[in-house]
Amino acid sequence: MSSRSTQSFFWSKVARATSLGCCLLLSTTRQLAIAQHSPQNNSSGRYADETLIITLSAGADMGRVKKTLDEVHATIRRTLPVTSDNYTILFVMPEKGKADDTLNKILAKKDHNFEAISRNLKLKSAGVRAAAVATPDDPYFSDQWNLATIGWTQARNDFQAQLAKMPQPAIYDLDSGVQPISNSNEPSYAELDTITQWNALSDAKEPTSEKAHDDYGHGTGCASVYGAVTDNDWGIAGVASFSKVNTPAIYEFRCLNSQDDIVPLTTIVSILQFISNKKIAHLGKAPINISLQDGGLPTSPYWSDKTIQRIAKTLYKQGSLVVLCAGDYGQDLSSYEPPSYIRVVQGTDQNNVLGTQADGYPSDWLGADKPTAPGYEIKGWWASPAPPLVYTLIGTSFAAPTWAGCIAVLQALDHKLTAPEADKILMDTAQKLNSKFNGTATTVKMVDLHAAIKKVVH
């Protein structure tokens, strides 16, 4: 971990990977070197580097599957049935030898029961805090250029009647947790309050309910971007909140402990499977924000993982949508098109540049006219070290929840909208703006909440 000042810090990056070609219908596999500060006390890390993640075809012959795994000396560590779409995900460990050897032996069997197979992938948070700002007595709205850029301010002025009647917007988030934040002078005026949180780090078979907290800060930062209560004479305004009575509902899965933590892909898969099967709080159509990245691997962005694709497609058919951040490595990812059922969002600064080298974390570039939201040098809460403070946030970690927050607003205004339908409205109404990537001119599709709301209410 390197430091720019006593009030800023950055994350070590996951080392580059070696891609291994595969045949049949199976996903590209990859072996990742893990960052130096891999967590030693994270129980979710029980699925070691050698874990294989296998997606079975619908109606797979489990007897044949077990026979194949026995023949290659591999053991099923965990079974995740996706009951909503009739397929199963397995976490498999080799009894001896390396996962790559076991993987190649499975491939050689050419067993049609296996739809996809990949190595466990390690994900890190994508976003940092910069210099702290003193805890405000008055709102920092005048500093929130990001809200003006996406048309939030104009929407609040033009659609007061509709927004006043809007029910609670809701978002799933996979991160480090959310710290509830309340104004000590006016306890009824909370910044982050309506939080339902699960612990996805324990050894339990599925996430378990817990009291909302965030020992790290990153999750609170993401949640504040879309969930901070507006017009309460304190703090900042959130993308999905237009007044102090429009408190967004945050459904948080804590899967990250600290700035040195790395989230196994197995954990993300387990949470998504849990959401798909349980349809928590009847929010089957809510967007799912994941502000994590896979170490900036130019040949294998993690949205290309076949297991992630399979379960994201299931969630898409249910009316939900996985929203991912592009990453902060300044890479050209224009040749790696995400599937239509996963939304990946890149981020810009207030000069509409895709991050800056000065920040140290420039946004990855998805190509011309791709989904974009403000993500650099925007105000947000950070919970660690206590007490929570308003910071300047940097990274695509904060662009993704901006996009997800806009989806939630459209769904609150029209309860019949699915997340994919709301996402399409955002794409159809986005502003085409001039931008730069690594000094080269390009164009982006900047989310325009005002235009999107106008389309929904009219």
Protein backbone atom coordinates (compact mmCIF):
# COMPACT_ATOMS: atom_id res chain seq x y z
CA MET A 1 0.00 0.00 0.00
CA SER A 2 1.40 3.38 -0.97
CA SER A 3 0.49 6.76 0.41
CA ARG A 4 0.21 10.15 -1.20
CA SER A 5 -0.30 12.06 2.07
CA THR A 6 -1.40 11.41 5.61
CA GLN A 7 -4.98 11.84 4.45
CA SER A 8 -4.93 9.68 1.35
CA PHE A 9 -4.08 6.10 0.60
CA PHE A 10 -4.22 3.68 -2.26
CA TRP A 11 -4.50 -0.04 -2.71
CA SER A 12 -1.83 -2.42 -3.95
CA LYS A 13 -2.82 -3.90 -7.28
CA VAL A 14 -3.35 -7.53 -8.04
CA ALA A 15 -0.47 -8.77 -10.18
CA ARG A 16 -0.93 -9.51 -13.87
CA ALA A 17 -2.30 -12.90 -14.82
CA THR A 18 -1.45 -15.57 -17.31
CA SER A 19 -4.40 -16.60 -19.49
CA LEU A 20 -4.88 -20.26 -20.32
CA GLY A 21 -6.82 -21.11 -23.47
CA CYS A 22 -9.73 -23.52 -23.15
CA CYS A 23 -11.86 -25.42 -25.62
CA LEU A 24 -15.49 -26.48 -25.87
CA LEU A 25 -18.04 -24.06 -24.38
CA LEU A 26 -15.97 -23.45 -21.26
CA SER A 27 -14.73 -20.06 -20.14
CA THR A 28 -11.19 -18.80 -20.47
CA THR A 29 -9.35 -19.75 -17.27
CA ARG A 30 -6.72 -17.72 -15.53
CA GLN A 31 -4.31 -18.02 -12.63
CA LEU A 32 -3.89 -14.82 -10.64
CA ALA A 33 -0.98 -13.85 -8.46
CA ILE A 34 -2.49 -12.48 -5.27
CA ALA A 35 -1.62 -9.03 -3.92
CA GLN A 36 1.04 -8.88 -1.24
CA HIS A 37 -1.35 -7.99 1.54
CA SER A 38 -3.79 -10.87 1.08
CA PRO A 39 -6.01 -11.21 4.18
CA GLN A 40 -5.04 -13.98 6.54
CA ASN A 41 -8.04 -13.81 8.83
CA ASN A 42 -10.82 -13.56 6.25
CA SER A 43 -12.93 -16.69 6.59
CA SER A 44 -14.23 -16.22 3.04
CA GLY A 45 -10.68 -17.00 1.94
CA ARG A 46 -11.25 -20.66 2.83
CA TYR A 47 -11.77 -21.16 -0.90
CA ALA A 48 -8.10 -21.04 -1.79
CA ASP A 49 -6.40 -20.16 -5.04
CA GLU A 50 -6.85 -23.75 -6.19
CA THR A 51 -10.67 -23.62 -6.17
CA LEU A 52 -12.43 -24.28 -9.45
CA ILE A 53 -15.87 -22.76 -10.05
CA ILE A 54 -17.97 -25.03 -12.24
CA THR A 55 -21.36 -24.19 -13.74
CA LEU A 56 -23.35 -27.30 -14.60
CA SER A 57 -25.74 -27.43 -17.53
CA ALA A 58 -29.46 -27.36 -16.75
CA GLY A 59 -30.59 -30.89 -15.97
CA ALA A 60 -27.02 -32.14 -15.53
CA ASP A 61 -26.56 -35.78 -14.59
CA MET A 62 -25.13 -35.42 -11.07
CA GLY A 63 -24.12 -39.05 -10.99
CA ARG A 64 -22.01 -38.55 -14.10
CA VAL A 65 -20.65 -35.25 -12.74
CA LYS A 66 -19.48 -36.90 -9.52
CA LYS A 67 -17.96 -39.78 -11.48
CA THR A 68 -16.00 -37.34 -13.65
CA LEU A 69 -14.77 -35.43 -10.60
CA ASP A 70 -13.81 -38.69 -8.86
CA GLU A 71 -11.81 -39.70 -11.93
CA VAL A 72 -9.80 -36.47 -11.85
CA HIS A 73 -9.44 -36.62 -8.05
CA ALA A 74 -11.46 -33.50 -7.26
CA THR A 75 -13.82 -32.90 -4.34
CA ILE A 76 -16.99 -30.81 -4.27
CA ARG A 77 -16.58 -28.28 -1.46
CA ARG A 78 -19.88 -26.48 -1.94
CA THR A 79 -23.00 -26.78 -4.08
CA LEU A 80 -25.02 -23.70 -5.06
CA PRO A 81 -28.30 -24.60 -6.78
CA VAL A 82 -29.76 -21.64 -8.68
CA THR A 83 -33.34 -22.74 -8.21
CA SER A 84 -34.79 -19.82 -10.12
CA ASP A 85 -33.18 -20.97 -13.37
CA ASN A 86 -32.60 -24.70 -12.82
CA TYR A 87 -28.82 -24.96 -12.90
CA THR A 88 -26.09 -25.55 -10.31
CA ILE A 89 -22.75 -23.99 -9.46
CA LEU A 90 -20.04 -26.09 -7.78
CA PHE A 91 -16.94 -25.02 -5.86
CA VAL A 92 -14.44 -27.82 -6.43
CA MET A 93 -10.99 -28.47 -4.93
CA PRO A 94 -8.36 -30.87 -6.33
CA GLU A 95 -7.48 -33.63 -3.86
CA LYS A 96 -3.88 -33.36 -4.98
CA GLY A 97 -1.87 -31.35 -7.44
CA LYS A 98 -2.77 -28.00 -8.96
CA ALA A 99 -6.13 -26.67 -10.07
CA ASP A 100 -4.81 -26.10 -13.60
CA ASP A 101 -4.00 -29.80 -13.94
CA THR A 102 -7.44 -30.77 -12.65
CA LEU A 103 -9.09 -28.27 -14.97
CA ASN A 104 -7.30 -29.70 -18.02
CA LYS A 105 -8.29 -33.22 -17.03
CA ILE A 106 -11.95 -32.16 -16.83
CA LEU A 107 -11.69 -30.52 -20.24
CA ALA A 108 -10.25 -33.69 -21.70
CA LYS A 109 -13.40 -35.56 -20.61
CA LYS A 110 -15.54 -33.36 -22.93
CA ASP A 111 -18.47 -33.91 -20.59
CA HIS A 112 -21.57 -32.02 -21.77
CA ASN A 113 -22.75 -31.73 -18.15
CA PHE A 114 -20.15 -28.99 -17.59
CA GLU A 115 -21.27 -25.63 -19.03
CA ALA A 116 -18.46 -23.42 -17.71
CA ILE A 117 -15.39 -23.71 -15.54
CA SER A 118 -13.03 -21.05 -14.20
CA ARG A 119 -10.37 -20.52 -11.58
CA ASN A 120 -11.19 -18.59 -8.43
CA LEU A 121 -10.67 -14.89 -9.11
CA LYS A 122 -9.67 -12.33 -6.51
CA LEU A 123 -11.38 -8.93 -6.59
CA LYS A 124 -10.45 -5.67 -4.89
CA SER A 125 -12.26 -2.40 -4.30
CA ALA A 126 -12.02 0.13 -7.12
CA GLY A 127 -11.87 3.56 -5.59
CA VAL A 128 -10.04 5.60 -3.01
CA ARG A 129 -10.65 8.48 -0.67
CA ALA A 130 -8.65 11.67 -1.06
CA ALA A 131 -8.21 14.57 1.36
CA ALA A 132 -10.79 14.78 4.13
CA VAL A 133 -13.09 17.77 4.48
CA ALA A 134 -14.12 18.88 7.94
CA THR A 135 -17.48 17.47 9.05
CA PRO A 136 -19.90 20.05 7.64
CA ASP A 137 -22.50 22.06 9.48
CA ASP A 138 -24.14 22.88 6.13
CA PRO A 139 -24.65 20.80 3.00
CA TYR A 140 -21.81 20.41 0.52
CA PHE A 141 -24.26 20.58 -2.30
CA SER A 142 -22.44 23.51 -3.91
CA ASP A 143 -19.38 21.25 -4.29
CA GLN A 144 -21.32 18.37 -5.83
CA TRP A 145 -20.58 19.06 -9.49
CA ASN A 146 -21.48 15.46 -10.23
CA LEU A 147 -25.17 16.06 -9.49
CA ALA A 148 -25.35 19.02 -11.83
CA THR A 149 -23.57 17.01 -14.54
CA ILE A 150 -26.13 14.19 -14.50
CA GLY A 151 -29.12 16.57 -14.47
CA TRP A 152 -30.06 15.78 -10.87
CA THR A 153 -30.50 19.44 -9.92
CA GLN A 154 -32.72 20.18 -12.91
CA ALA A 155 -34.76 17.03 -12.27
CA ARG A 156 -35.36 18.06 -8.66
CA ASN A 157 -36.61 21.46 -9.82
CA ASP A 158 -38.72 20.31 -12.76
CA PHE A 159 -40.36 17.20 -11.28
CA GLN A 160 -41.04 18.23 -7.69
CA ALA A 161 -44.58 16.84 -7.64
CA GLN A 162 -43.63 13.43 -9.01
CA LEU A 163 -40.51 13.09 -6.85
CA ALA A 164 -42.40 14.10 -3.70
CA LYS A 165 -44.71 11.09 -4.18
CA MET A 166 -41.87 8.72 -5.10
CA PRO A 167 -41.63 5.65 -2.85
CA GLN A 168 -38.33 4.47 -1.46
CA PRO A 169 -35.68 3.68 -4.12
CA ALA A 170 -33.79 0.45 -3.38
CA ILE A 171 -30.35 -0.89 -4.32
CA TYR A 172 -28.35 -4.01 -3.52
CA ASP A 173 -24.66 -3.35 -2.83
CA LEU A 174 -21.74 -5.76 -2.41
CA ASP A 175 -18.94 -4.06 -0.50
CA SER A 176 -17.44 -3.48 2.96
CA GLY A 177 -20.70 -2.66 4.73
CA VAL A 178 -22.40 0.66 5.48
CA GLN A 179 -21.93 2.78 8.59
CA PRO A 180 -25.22 4.39 9.68
CA ILE A 181 -24.67 8.15 9.87
CA SER A 182 -26.93 10.50 11.82
CA ASN A 183 -26.63 14.16 12.72
CA SER A 184 -26.02 14.26 16.47
CA ASN A 185 -27.72 17.64 16.67
CA GLU A 186 -30.77 16.46 14.75
CA PRO A 187 -30.95 12.65 15.22
CA SER A 188 -34.07 12.40 13.07
CA TYR A 189 -32.07 13.73 10.12
CA ALA A 190 -29.98 10.75 9.11
CA GLU A 191 -27.60 10.67 6.15
CA LEU A 192 -27.43 6.88 5.85
CA ASP A 193 -30.14 5.20 7.86
CA THR A 194 -32.40 2.71 6.08
CA ILE A 195 -29.87 -0.12 5.85
CA THR A 196 -30.39 -3.88 5.79
CA GLN A 197 -27.05 -5.66 5.99
CA TRP A 198 -25.79 -9.22 5.66
CA ASN A 199 -22.42 -10.74 6.52
CA ALA A 200 -21.10 -12.66 3.51
CA LEU A 201 -17.70 -13.35 5.11
CA SER A 202 -18.72 -16.01 7.60
CA ASP A 203 -18.57 -19.76 7.22
CA ALA A 204 -22.36 -19.95 7.01
CA LYS A 205 -23.83 -21.55 3.89
CA GLU A 206 -25.46 -18.26 3.00
CA PRO A 207 -25.14 -14.61 4.09
CA THR A 208 -26.39 -13.95 7.62
CA SER A 209 -28.18 -10.86 8.93
CA GLU A 210 -26.07 -8.43 10.95
CA LYS A 211 -26.13 -4.89 12.34
CA ALA A 212 -25.04 -2.35 9.75
CA HIS A 213 -21.41 -1.29 10.17
CA ASP A 214 -18.32 -0.59 8.06
CA ASP A 215 -14.83 -1.03 9.50
CA TYR A 216 -13.22 0.01 6.24
CA GLY A 217 -15.11 2.92 4.66
CA HIS A 218 -15.37 2.01 0.98
CA GLY A 219 -18.91 0.62 1.21
CA THR A 220 -20.11 3.69 3.06
CA GLY A 221 -18.55 5.84 0.34
CA CYS A 222 -20.41 3.98 -2.39
CA ALA A 223 -23.69 4.02 -0.46
CA SER A 224 -23.41 7.75 0.25
CA VAL A 225 -23.13 8.52 -3.46
CA TYR A 226 -26.65 7.23 -4.09
CA GLY A 227 -28.13 7.03 -0.58
CA ALA A 228 -27.21 10.17 1.38
CA VAL A 229 -30.38 11.97 2.45
CA THR A 230 -30.96 15.29 0.71
CA ASP A 231 -32.13 18.63 2.10
CA ASN A 232 -31.49 17.86 5.77
CA ASP A 233 -29.19 20.84 6.45
CA TRP A 234 -26.24 18.50 6.86
CA GLY A 235 -23.73 16.58 4.80
CA ILE A 236 -24.27 15.86 1.11
CA ALA A 237 -27.07 14.99 -1.30
CA GLY A 238 -27.46 11.48 -2.74
CA VAL A 239 -28.29 10.58 -6.33
CA ALA A 240 -31.39 8.57 -5.32
CA SER A 241 -32.65 11.07 -2.71
CA PHE A 242 -34.43 14.35 -3.44
CA SER A 243 -35.60 15.37 0.04
CA LYS A 244 -35.23 14.29 3.66
CA VAL A 245 -38.32 12.09 3.32
CA ASN A 246 -36.93 10.22 0.27
CA THR A 247 -34.54 7.98 2.20
CA PRO A 248 -33.18 5.31 -0.17
CA ALA A 249 -33.20 1.72 1.06
CA ILE A 250 -29.73 0.14 1.09
CA TYR A 251 -29.43 -3.66 0.99
CA GLU A 252 -25.78 -4.33 1.78
CA PHE A 253 -23.72 -7.55 1.63
CA ARG A 254 -20.47 -7.14 3.53
CA CYS A 255 -17.81 -9.06 1.63
CA LEU A 256 -14.80 -6.79 2.15
CA ASN A 257 -13.01 -6.10 5.45
CA SER A 258 -10.21 -3.60 4.83
CA GLN A 259 -8.17 -1.77 2.24
CA ASP A 260 -5.88 -4.81 2.03
CA ASP A 261 -8.75 -7.24 1.57
CA ILE A 262 -9.41 -9.28 -1.54
CA VAL A 263 -12.81 -10.80 -2.31
CA PRO A 264 -12.79 -14.27 -3.87
CA LEU A 265 -15.02 -14.69 -6.90
CA THR A 266 -16.64 -17.55 -4.99
CA THR A 267 -18.02 -15.03 -2.50
CA ILE A 268 -19.53 -12.84 -5.24
CA VAL A 269 -21.07 -15.88 -6.92
CA SER A 270 -22.56 -17.03 -3.60
CA ILE A 271 -24.15 -13.64 -2.92
CA LEU A 272 -25.65 -13.34 -6.40
CA GLN A 273 -27.03 -16.87 -6.12
CA PHE A 274 -28.52 -15.95 -2.72
CA ILE A 275 -30.20 -12.84 -4.17
CA SER A 276 -31.57 -14.80 -7.13
CA ASN A 277 -33.02 -17.58 -5.00
CA LYS A 278 -34.31 -15.54 -2.07
CA LYS A 279 -35.53 -12.39 -3.87
CA ILE A 280 -34.80 -10.53 -0.66
CA ALA A 281 -37.48 -8.17 0.59
CA HIS A 282 -39.29 -8.75 -2.70
CA LEU A 283 -36.63 -6.68 -4.45
CA GLY A 284 -36.10 -9.06 -7.32
CA LYS A 285 -35.96 -6.15 -9.76
CA ALA A 286 -33.49 -3.92 -7.90
CA PRO A 287 -30.06 -3.07 -9.39
CA ILE A 288 -27.03 -4.77 -7.83
CA ASN A 289 -23.98 -2.53 -7.48
CA ILE A 290 -20.52 -4.18 -7.32
CA SER A 291 -17.69 -1.67 -7.11
CA LEU A 292 -14.88 -4.23 -7.29
CA GLN A 293 -12.25 -4.93 -9.94
CA ASP A 294 -10.05 -7.87 -10.86
CA GLY A 295 -6.65 -6.25 -10.77
CA GLY A 296 -6.84 -4.52 -14.12
CA LEU A 297 -6.23 -7.52 -16.33
CA PRO A 298 -6.49 -6.26 -19.92
CA THR A 299 -7.06 -9.74 -21.36
CA SER A 300 -9.65 -10.90 -18.85
CA PRO A 301 -11.94 -8.34 -17.24
CA TYR A 302 -13.91 -10.25 -14.66
CA TRP A 303 -17.28 -9.58 -16.27
CA SER A 304 -16.13 -12.08 -18.93
CA ASP A 305 -16.11 -14.92 -16.40
CA LYS A 306 -18.67 -17.48 -17.55
CA THR A 307 -20.01 -18.13 -14.05
CA ILE A 308 -20.60 -14.43 -13.43
CA GLN A 309 -22.24 -14.21 -16.86
CA ARG A 310 -24.49 -17.19 -16.20
CA ILE A 311 -25.89 -15.96 -12.91
CA ALA A 312 -26.04 -12.33 -14.09
CA LYS A 313 -28.17 -13.54 -17.00
CA THR A 314 -30.48 -15.31 -14.55
CA LEU A 315 -30.84 -12.12 -12.51
CA TYR A 316 -31.45 -10.15 -15.71
CA LYS A 317 -34.31 -12.45 -16.66
CA GLN A 318 -35.76 -11.91 -13.17
CA GLY A 319 -35.74 -8.15 -13.74
CA SER A 320 -32.56 -7.25 -11.85
CA LEU A 321 -29.26 -5.98 -13.26
CA VAL A 322 -25.64 -6.35 -12.14
CA VAL A 323 -23.85 -2.97 -12.35
CA LEU A 324 -20.05 -3.10 -12.29
CA CYS A 325 -17.34 -0.44 -12.25
CA ALA A 326 -14.90 -0.44 -15.17
CA GLY A 327 -11.74 -0.31 -13.06
CA ASP A 328 -9.04 2.25 -12.37
CA TYR A 329 -5.98 1.14 -14.32
CA GLY A 330 -6.18 3.47 -17.29
CA GLN A 331 -6.48 0.55 -19.71
CA ASP A 332 -8.05 0.33 -23.14
CA LEU A 333 -10.77 -2.31 -22.75
CA SER A 334 -12.64 -1.28 -25.90
CA SER A 335 -12.19 -4.71 -27.49
CA TYR A 336 -13.81 -6.50 -24.53
CA GLU A 337 -17.53 -5.93 -24.91
CA PRO A 338 -19.54 -6.76 -21.76
CA PRO A 339 -22.61 -8.93 -22.32
CA SER A 340 -25.91 -7.10 -22.71
CA TYR A 341 -27.17 -8.35 -19.33
CA ILE A 342 -24.29 -6.75 -17.35
CA ARG A 343 -23.82 -3.00 -17.14
CA VAL A 344 -20.22 -1.79 -16.79
CA VAL A 345 -19.70 1.93 -16.05
CA GLN A 346 -16.63 4.08 -16.61
CA GLY A 347 -15.99 7.33 -14.71
CA THR A 348 -15.02 10.92 -15.45
CA ASP A 349 -13.76 13.89 -13.48
CA GLN A 350 -15.30 17.36 -13.56
CA ASN A 351 -13.40 18.16 -16.76
CA ASN A 352 -15.11 15.16 -18.34
CA VAL A 353 -11.81 13.31 -18.59
CA LEU A 354 -11.76 9.58 -17.89
CA GLY A 355 -9.85 9.99 -14.65
CA THR A 356 -6.42 11.59 -14.54
CA GLN A 357 -2.92 10.29 -14.13
CA ALA A 358 -2.53 12.86 -11.35
CA ASP A 359 -5.13 10.95 -9.35
CA GLY A 360 -3.09 7.81 -9.86
CA TYR A 361 -6.25 5.86 -10.72
CA PRO A 362 -7.48 6.80 -14.21
CA SER A 363 -10.63 5.07 -15.40
CA ASP A 364 -10.36 2.13 -17.74
CA TRP A 365 -11.81 2.98 -21.16
CA LEU A 366 -14.66 0.83 -22.46
CA GLY A 367 -14.70 2.45 -25.90
CA ALA A 368 -16.50 5.37 -27.50
CA ASP A 369 -20.06 6.14 -26.40
CA LYS A 370 -20.06 3.73 -23.46
CA PRO A 371 -21.99 4.17 -20.18
CA THR A 372 -20.38 6.86 -18.06
CA ALA A 373 -21.01 8.63 -14.76
CA PRO A 374 -19.03 11.05 -12.60
CA GLY A 375 -16.57 9.16 -10.43
CA TYR A 376 -13.55 11.35 -9.75
CA GLU A 377 -13.23 14.11 -7.16
CA ILE A 378 -16.80 13.85 -5.92
CA LYS A 379 -17.98 14.35 -2.35
CA GLY A 380 -18.98 11.36 -0.25
CA TRP A 381 -18.88 9.93 3.27
CA TRP A 382 -16.06 7.68 4.46
CA ALA A 383 -16.53 5.72 7.68
CA SER A 384 -13.01 4.75 8.71
CA PRO A 385 -11.28 5.87 10.79
CA ALA A 386 -14.20 7.01 12.93
CA PRO A 387 -15.98 9.35 13.06
CA PRO A 388 -17.31 9.40 9.49
CA LEU A 389 -16.22 12.42 7.47
CA VAL A 390 -17.04 13.90 4.10
CA TYR A 391 -14.17 13.14 1.73
CA THR A 392 -13.31 13.67 -1.90
CA LEU A 393 -13.76 10.26 -3.56
CA ILE A 394 -11.78 9.06 -6.56
CA GLY A 395 -12.49 6.08 -8.80
CA THR A 396 -14.99 4.18 -10.90
CA SER A 397 -16.18 2.66 -7.60
CA PHE A 398 -18.30 5.79 -7.32
CA ALA A 399 -19.40 5.97 -10.95
CA ALA A 400 -21.14 2.58 -10.79
CA PRO A 401 -23.40 3.46 -7.80
CA THR A 402 -24.31 6.72 -9.55
CA TRP A 403 -25.66 4.69 -12.49
CA ALA A 404 -27.32 2.14 -10.18
CA GLY A 405 -28.87 4.98 -8.16
CA CYS A 406 -30.41 6.45 -11.30
CA ILE A 407 -31.91 3.04 -12.14
CA ALA A 408 -33.43 2.88 -8.65
CA VAL A 409 -34.99 6.34 -9.05
CA LEU A 410 -36.68 5.39 -12.32
CA GLN A 411 -38.02 2.19 -10.77
CA ALA A 412 -39.38 4.11 -7.78
CA LEU A 413 -41.21 6.47 -10.14
CA ASP A 414 -42.62 3.56 -12.15
CA HIS A 415 -42.89 0.34 -10.14
CA LYS A 416 -43.52 -1.67 -13.31
CA LEU A 417 -40.03 -0.99 -14.63
CA THR A 418 -37.45 -3.74 -14.33
CA ALA A 419 -33.83 -2.76 -13.78
CA PRO A 420 -32.90 -3.66 -17.40
CA GLU A 421 -35.78 -1.52 -18.68
CA ALA A 422 -34.69 1.42 -16.53
CA ASP A 423 -31.11 0.89 -17.68
CA LYS A 424 -32.21 1.05 -21.31
CA ILE A 425 -33.94 4.36 -20.63
CA LEU A 426 -30.69 5.68 -19.15
CA MET A 427 -28.78 4.57 -22.25
CA ASP A 428 -31.39 6.03 -24.63
CA THR A 429 -31.41 9.42 -22.86
CA ALA A 430 -27.68 9.70 -22.00
CA GLN A 431 -25.79 12.77 -23.19
CA LYS A 432 -23.09 12.24 -25.79
CA LEU A 433 -20.17 14.30 -24.52
CA ASN A 434 -16.63 14.90 -25.69
CA SER A 435 -14.01 13.35 -23.45
CA LYS A 436 -10.38 12.23 -23.37
CA PHE A 437 -8.69 8.94 -22.58
CA ASN A 438 -4.93 9.05 -22.09
CA GLY A 439 -4.87 12.34 -23.96
CA THR A 440 -6.81 10.98 -26.94
CA ALA A 441 -10.19 12.44 -27.87
CA THR A 442 -13.22 10.20 -27.47
CA THR A 443 -16.92 10.48 -26.63
CA VAL A 444 -18.90 9.12 -23.70
CA LYS A 445 -22.56 8.46 -22.91
CA MET A 446 -23.01 10.46 -19.70
CA VAL A 447 -26.06 9.49 -17.66
CA ASP A 448 -28.75 12.19 -17.77
CA LEU A 449 -31.20 11.65 -14.92
CA HIS A 450 -33.35 14.63 -15.88
CA ALA A 451 -33.93 13.34 -19.41
CA ALA A 452 -34.57 9.82 -18.10
CA ILE A 453 -37.13 10.99 -15.51
CA LYS A 454 -38.83 13.12 -18.16
CA LYS A 455 -39.22 10.04 -20.36
CA VAL A 456 -40.66 7.99 -17.49
CA VAL A 457 -43.15 10.55 -16.14
CA HIS A 458 -44.37 11.63 -19.58
